[in-house]
């Protein structure tokens, strides 16, 4: 019970800080800022629990010993789950854009040519390339996109995982 209480309190306190920061000014590197806020908040909370082990809030005493690890794992799991969700919110996914385009056409539907004209590379591909460059996973030099070390590491995680599952390099 203590892990649930303190883990939720820590996560949602710094989640609200993240929302407040976004209301003031949207950071250039949003994912990095969220990770900094949520994991920085976790570190501050854990230090606070160690320095003030007698602290009590709403009748629940501060976690100590193995409970600290449980709170850290709880907040880490919520943070990583939120990061996956946030990436879908941050930039519209191609599937979401397709669904919204078809839904906007209503019962009459949308002609195939109109559908593909609406969802061009400028809408689907270019924003993701800009995100890769912003996150320093790729660079554009001499008219060519190249992965950085960070981008190669990130790509290798998914490539190796797909190979482990026997899925090959392509999608689906």
C-alpha atoms as a PDB file:
ATOM      1  CA  UNK A   1       0.000   0.000   0.000  1.00  0.00           C
ATOM      2  CA  UNK A   2       2.844   2.338   0.867  1.00  0.00           C
ATOM      3  CA  UNK A   3       4.469   1.778  -2.551  1.00  0.00           C
ATOM      4  CA  UNK A   4       1.220   2.537  -4.362  1.00  0.00           C
ATOM      5  CA  UNK A   5       0.612   5.681  -2.305  1.00  0.00           C
ATOM      6  CA  UNK A   6       4.105   7.172  -2.509  1.00  0.00           C
ATOM      7  CA  UNK A   7       4.787   6.003  -6.062  1.00  0.00           C
ATOM      8  CA  UNK A   8       1.545   7.575  -7.276  1.00  0.00           C
ATOM      9  CA  UNK A   9       2.136  10.757  -5.292  1.00  0.00           C
ATOM     10  CA  UNK A  10       5.695  11.170  -6.605  1.00  0.00           C
ATOM     11  CA  UNK A  11       4.787  10.396 -10.227  1.00  0.00           C
ATOM     12  CA  UNK A  12       1.665  12.562 -10.379  1.00  0.00           C
ATOM     13  CA  UNK A  13       3.303  15.462  -8.514  1.00  0.00           C
ATOM     14  CA  UNK A  14       6.070  15.695 -11.089  1.00  0.00           C
ATOM     15  CA  UNK A  15       3.641  14.883 -13.905  1.00  0.00           C
ATOM     16  CA  UNK A  16       1.740  18.039 -12.885  1.00  0.00           C
ATOM     17  CA  UNK A  17       5.043  19.944 -12.887  1.00  0.00           C
ATOM     18  CA  UNK A  18       5.598  18.710 -16.449  1.00  0.00           C
ATOM     19  CA  UNK A  19       2.130  19.994 -17.455  1.00  0.00           C
ATOM     20  CA  UNK A  20       2.866  23.366 -15.803  1.00  0.00           C
ATOM     21  CA  UNK A  21       6.180  23.693 -17.658  1.00  0.00           C
ATOM     22  CA  UNK A  22       4.419  22.878 -20.960  1.00  0.00           C
ATOM     23  CA  UNK A  23       1.816  25.606 -20.239  1.00  0.00           C
ATOM     24  CA  UNK A  24       4.610  28.143 -19.734  1.00  0.00           C
ATOM     25  CA  UNK A  25       6.797  27.148 -22.682  1.00  0.00           C
ATOM     26  CA  UNK A  26       6.965  24.015 -24.808  1.00  0.00           C
ATOM     27  CA  UNK A  27      10.551  22.662 -24.629  1.00  0.00           C
ATOM     28  CA  UNK A  28      12.461  22.139 -27.870  1.00  0.00           C
ATOM     29  CA  UNK A  29      13.415  18.566 -26.902  1.00  0.00           C
ATOM     30  CA  UNK A  30      10.219  17.425 -25.227  1.00  0.00           C
ATOM     31  CA  UNK A  31      11.122  13.804 -24.493  1.00  0.00           C
ATOM     32  CA  UNK A  32      14.385  14.776 -22.844  1.00  0.00           C
ATOM     33  CA  UNK A  33      12.599  17.426 -20.760  1.00  0.00           C
ATOM     34  CA  UNK A  34       9.947  14.957 -19.570  1.00  0.00           C
ATOM     35  CA  UNK A  35      12.569  12.396 -18.601  1.00  0.00           C
ATOM     36  CA  UNK A  36      14.533  15.074 -16.758  1.00  0.00           C
ATOM     37  CA  UNK A  37      11.458  16.252 -14.835  1.00  0.00           C
ATOM     38  CA  UNK A  38      10.105  12.799 -13.932  1.00  0.00           C
ATOM     39  CA  UNK A  39      13.395  11.046 -13.149  1.00  0.00           C
ATOM     40  CA  UNK A  40      14.778  14.188 -11.486  1.00  0.00           C
ATOM     41  CA  UNK A  41      11.639  14.292  -9.363  1.00  0.00           C
ATOM     42  CA  UNK A  42      12.074  10.629  -8.469  1.00  0.00           C
ATOM     43  CA  UNK A  43      15.674  11.280  -7.397  1.00  0.00           C
ATOM     44  CA  UNK A  44      14.589  14.253  -5.273  1.00  0.00           C
ATOM     45  CA  UNK A  45      11.800  12.239  -3.660  1.00  0.00           C
ATOM     46  CA  UNK A  46      14.074   9.295  -2.866  1.00  0.00           C
ATOM     47  CA  UNK A  47      16.646  11.644  -1.322  1.00  0.00           C
ATOM     48  CA  UNK A  48      13.857  13.261   0.684  1.00  0.00           C
ATOM     49  CA  UNK A  49      12.700   9.882   1.966  1.00  0.00           C
ATOM     50  CA  UNK A  50      16.237   9.007   3.070  1.00  0.00           C
ATOM     51  CA  UNK A  51      16.886  12.391   4.729  1.00  0.00           C
ATOM     52  CA  UNK A  52      13.434  12.579   6.372  1.00  0.00           C
ATOM     53  CA  UNK A  53      12.505   8.930   7.124  1.00  0.00           C
ATOM     54  CA  UNK A  54      10.080  10.092   9.815  1.00  0.00           C
ATOM     55  CA  UNK A  55       7.996  12.065   7.273  1.00  0.00           C
ATOM     56  CA  UNK A  56       4.300  11.197   7.253  1.00  0.00           C
ATOM     57  CA  UNK A  57       1.629  12.388   4.806  1.00  0.00           C
ATOM     58  CA  UNK A  58      -2.075  11.572   5.159  1.00  0.00           C
ATOM     59  CA  UNK A  59      -1.149   9.009   7.788  1.00  0.00           C
ATOM     60  CA  UNK A  60       1.272   7.111   5.518  1.00  0.00           C
ATOM     61  CA  UNK A  61       4.883   7.049   6.679  1.00  0.00           C
ATOM     62  CA  UNK A  62       7.759   7.523   4.261  1.00  0.00           C
ATOM     63  CA  UNK A  63       9.068   4.397   2.536  1.00  0.00           C
ATOM     64  CA  UNK A  64      12.343   2.984   3.778  1.00  0.00           C
ATOM     65  CA  UNK A  65      14.702   0.158   2.903  1.00  0.00           C
ATOM     66  CA  UNK A  66      13.300  -2.155   0.199  1.00  0.00           C
ATOM     67  CA  UNK A  67      10.210   0.052  -0.095  1.00  0.00           C
ATOM     68  CA  UNK A  68      12.421   2.748  -1.658  1.00  0.00           C
ATOM     69  CA  UNK A  69      13.329   0.359  -4.471  1.00  0.00           C
ATOM     70  CA  UNK A  70       9.654  -0.505  -4.941  1.00  0.00           C
ATOM     71  CA  UNK A  71       8.731   3.181  -5.219  1.00  0.00           C
ATOM     72  CA  UNK A  72      11.601   3.747  -7.677  1.00  0.00           C
ATOM     73  CA  UNK A  73      10.465   0.817  -9.850  1.00  0.00           C
ATOM     74  CA  UNK A  74       6.837   1.980  -9.694  1.00  0.00           C
ATOM     75  CA  UNK A  75       7.699   5.530 -10.801  1.00  0.00           C
ATOM     76  CA  UNK A  76      10.098   4.248 -13.474  1.00  0.00           C
ATOM     77  CA  UNK A  77       7.423   1.954 -14.933  1.00  0.00           C
ATOM     78  CA  UNK A  78       4.873   4.791 -15.031  1.00  0.00           C
ATOM     79  CA  UNK A  79       7.438   7.164 -16.549  1.00  0.00           C
ATOM     80  CA  UNK A  80       8.382   4.762 -19.345  1.00  0.00           C
ATOM     81  CA  UNK A  81       4.745   3.916 -20.047  1.00  0.00           C
ATOM     82  CA  UNK A  82       3.965   7.626 -20.228  1.00  0.00           C
ATOM     83  CA  UNK A  83       6.871   8.206 -22.621  1.00  0.00           C
ATOM     84  CA  UNK A  84       5.419   5.657 -25.040  1.00  0.00           C
ATOM     85  CA  UNK A  85       2.005   7.309 -24.798  1.00  0.00           C
ATOM     86  CA  UNK A  86       3.446  10.809 -25.108  1.00  0.00           C
ATOM     87  CA  UNK A  87       5.263   9.977 -28.332  1.00  0.00           C
ATOM     88  CA  UNK A  88       1.885   9.151 -29.891  1.00  0.00           C
ATOM     89  CA  UNK A  89       0.445  12.451 -28.624  1.00  0.00           C
ATOM     90  CA  UNK A  90       3.464  14.583 -29.519  1.00  0.00           C
ATOM     91  CA  UNK A  91       3.214  13.900 -33.249  1.00  0.00           C
ATOM     92  CA  UNK A  92       0.195  12.362 -34.910  1.00  0.00           C
ATOM     93  CA  UNK A  93       0.851   8.766 -35.856  1.00  0.00           C
ATOM     94  CA  UNK A  94       0.297   7.888 -39.527  1.00  0.00           C
ATOM     95  CA  UNK A  95      -2.534   5.530 -38.577  1.00  0.00           C
ATOM     96  CA  UNK A  96      -4.261   8.224 -36.508  1.00  0.00           C
ATOM     97  CA  UNK A  97      -3.956  10.716 -39.380  1.00  0.00           C
ATOM     98  CA  UNK A  98      -5.435   8.174 -41.807  1.00  0.00           C
ATOM     99  CA  UNK A  99      -8.360   7.438 -39.498  1.00  0.00           C
ATOM    100  CA  UNK A 100      -9.064  11.140 -38.951  1.00  0.00           C
ATOM    101  CA  UNK A 101      -8.914  11.825 -42.704  1.00  0.00           C
ATOM    102  CA  UNK A 102     -11.371   9.018 -43.467  1.00  0.00           C
ATOM    103  CA  UNK A 103     -13.622  10.024 -40.558  1.00  0.00           C
ATOM    104  CA  UNK A 104     -13.678  13.661 -41.740  1.00  0.00           C
ATOM    105  CA  UNK A 105     -15.071  12.469 -45.083  1.00  0.00           C
ATOM    106  CA  UNK A 106     -18.087  11.052 -43.256  1.00  0.00           C
ATOM    107  CA  UNK A 107     -20.458   8.496 -44.746  1.00  0.00           C
ATOM    108  CA  UNK A 108     -19.707   9.572 -48.326  1.00  0.00           C
ATOM    109  CA  UNK A 109     -16.087   8.379 -47.954  1.00  0.00           C
ATOM    110  CA  UNK A 110     -12.977   9.829 -49.550  1.00  0.00           C
ATOM    111  CA  UNK A 111     -11.644   9.065 -53.023  1.00  0.00           C
ATOM    112  CA  UNK A 112      -8.371   7.131 -53.078  1.00  0.00           C
ATOM    113  CA  UNK A 113      -6.520   9.916 -54.951  1.00  0.00           C
ATOM    114  CA  UNK A 114      -7.819  12.581 -52.535  1.00  0.00           C
ATOM    115  CA  UNK A 115      -6.790  10.393 -49.597  1.00  0.00           C
ATOM    116  CA  UNK A 116      -3.196  10.059 -50.827  1.00  0.00           C
ATOM    117  CA  UNK A 117      -3.030  13.752 -51.787  1.00  0.00           C
ATOM    118  CA  UNK A 118      -4.030  14.681 -48.226  1.00  0.00           C
ATOM    119  CA  UNK A 119      -1.505  12.346 -46.607  1.00  0.00           C
ATOM    120  CA  UNK A 120       1.664  13.249 -48.474  1.00  0.00           C
ATOM    121  CA  UNK A 121       5.265  12.819 -47.340  1.00  0.00           C
ATOM    122  CA  UNK A 122       5.126  16.425 -46.104  1.00  0.00           C
ATOM    123  CA  UNK A 123       2.511  15.312 -43.575  1.00  0.00           C
ATOM    124  CA  UNK A 124       3.722  11.795 -42.730  1.00  0.00           C
ATOM    125  CA  UNK A 125       7.484  11.667 -43.268  1.00  0.00           C
ATOM    126  CA  UNK A 126       8.950  15.168 -42.976  1.00  0.00           C
ATOM    127  CA  UNK A 127       7.856  15.806 -39.355  1.00  0.00           C
ATOM    128  CA  UNK A 128       9.425  12.521 -38.263  1.00  0.00           C
ATOM    129  CA  UNK A 129      12.689  13.347 -40.023  1.00  0.00           C
ATOM    130  CA  UNK A 130      12.717  16.718 -38.236  1.00  0.00           C
ATOM    131  CA  UNK A 131      12.139  14.893 -34.939  1.00  0.00           C
ATOM    132  CA  UNK A 132      15.094  12.575 -35.633  1.00  0.00           C
ATOM    133  CA  UNK A 133      17.334  15.574 -36.259  1.00  0.00           C
ATOM    134  CA  UNK A 134      15.993  17.466 -33.220  1.00  0.00           C
ATOM    135  CA  UNK A 135      16.614  14.428 -31.007  1.00  0.00           C
ATOM    136  CA  UNK A 136      20.103  14.098 -32.515  1.00  0.00           C
ATOM    137  CA  UNK A 137      19.451  10.608 -33.838  1.00  0.00           C
ATOM    138  CA  UNK A 138      20.183  11.691 -37.408  1.00  0.00           C
ATOM    139  CA  UNK A 139      21.906  14.513 -39.235  1.00  0.00           C
ATOM    140  CA  UNK A 140      21.362  16.011 -42.682  1.00  0.00           C
ATOM    141  CA  UNK A 141      24.709  16.730 -44.291  1.00  0.00           C
ATOM    142  CA  UNK A 142      25.432  17.287 -47.986  1.00  0.00           C
ATOM    143  CA  UNK A 143      21.828  16.426 -48.825  1.00  0.00           C
ATOM    144  CA  UNK A 144      21.991  13.018 -47.126  1.00  0.00           C
ATOM    145  CA  UNK A 145      20.467  11.742 -43.904  1.00  0.00           C
ATOM    146  CA  UNK A 146      22.829   9.775 -41.679  1.00  0.00           C
ATOM    147  CA  UNK A 147      22.245   8.176 -38.298  1.00  0.00           C
ATOM    148  CA  UNK A 148      24.323   9.406 -35.400  1.00  0.00           C
ATOM    149  CA  UNK A 149      25.766   7.012 -32.818  1.00  0.00           C
ATOM    150  CA  UNK A 150      22.649   7.585 -30.725  1.00  0.00           C
ATOM    151  CA  UNK A 151      20.419   6.809 -33.730  1.00  0.00           C
ATOM    152  CA  UNK A 152      22.342   3.624 -34.564  1.00  0.00           C
ATOM    153  CA  UNK A 153      22.058   2.455 -30.967  1.00  0.00           C
ATOM    154  CA  UNK A 154      18.312   3.141 -30.948  1.00  0.00           C
ATOM    155  CA  UNK A 155      17.813   1.383 -34.288  1.00  0.00           C
ATOM    156  CA  UNK A 156      19.876  -1.614 -33.159  1.00  0.00           C
ATOM    157  CA  UNK A 157      17.545  -2.153 -30.194  1.00  0.00           C
ATOM    158  CA  UNK A 158      14.585  -2.645 -32.519  1.00  0.00           C
ATOM    159  CA  UNK A 159      16.551  -4.507 -35.181  1.00  0.00           C
ATOM    160  CA  UNK A 160      17.910  -6.956 -32.623  1.00  0.00           C
ATOM    161  CA  UNK A 161      14.516  -7.380 -30.977  1.00  0.00           C
ATOM    162  CA  UNK A 162      12.865  -8.110 -34.341  1.00  0.00           C
ATOM    163  CA  UNK A 163      15.641 -10.605 -35.128  1.00  0.00           C
ATOM    164  CA  UNK A 164      15.119 -12.272 -31.737  1.00  0.00           C
ATOM    165  CA  UNK A 165      11.415 -12.688 -32.588  1.00  0.00           C
ATOM    166  CA  UNK A 166      12.276 -13.902 -36.106  1.00  0.00           C
ATOM    167  CA  UNK A 167      10.418 -11.009 -37.751  1.00  0.00           C
ATOM    168  CA  UNK A 168      13.054  -9.880 -40.247  1.00  0.00           C
ATOM    169  CA  UNK A 169      13.792  -6.252 -41.099  1.00  0.00           C
ATOM    170  CA  UNK A 170      10.496  -5.125 -42.650  1.00  0.00           C
ATOM    171  CA  UNK A 171       7.235  -4.095 -41.075  1.00  0.00           C
ATOM    172  CA  UNK A 172       4.256  -6.374 -40.434  1.00  0.00           C
END
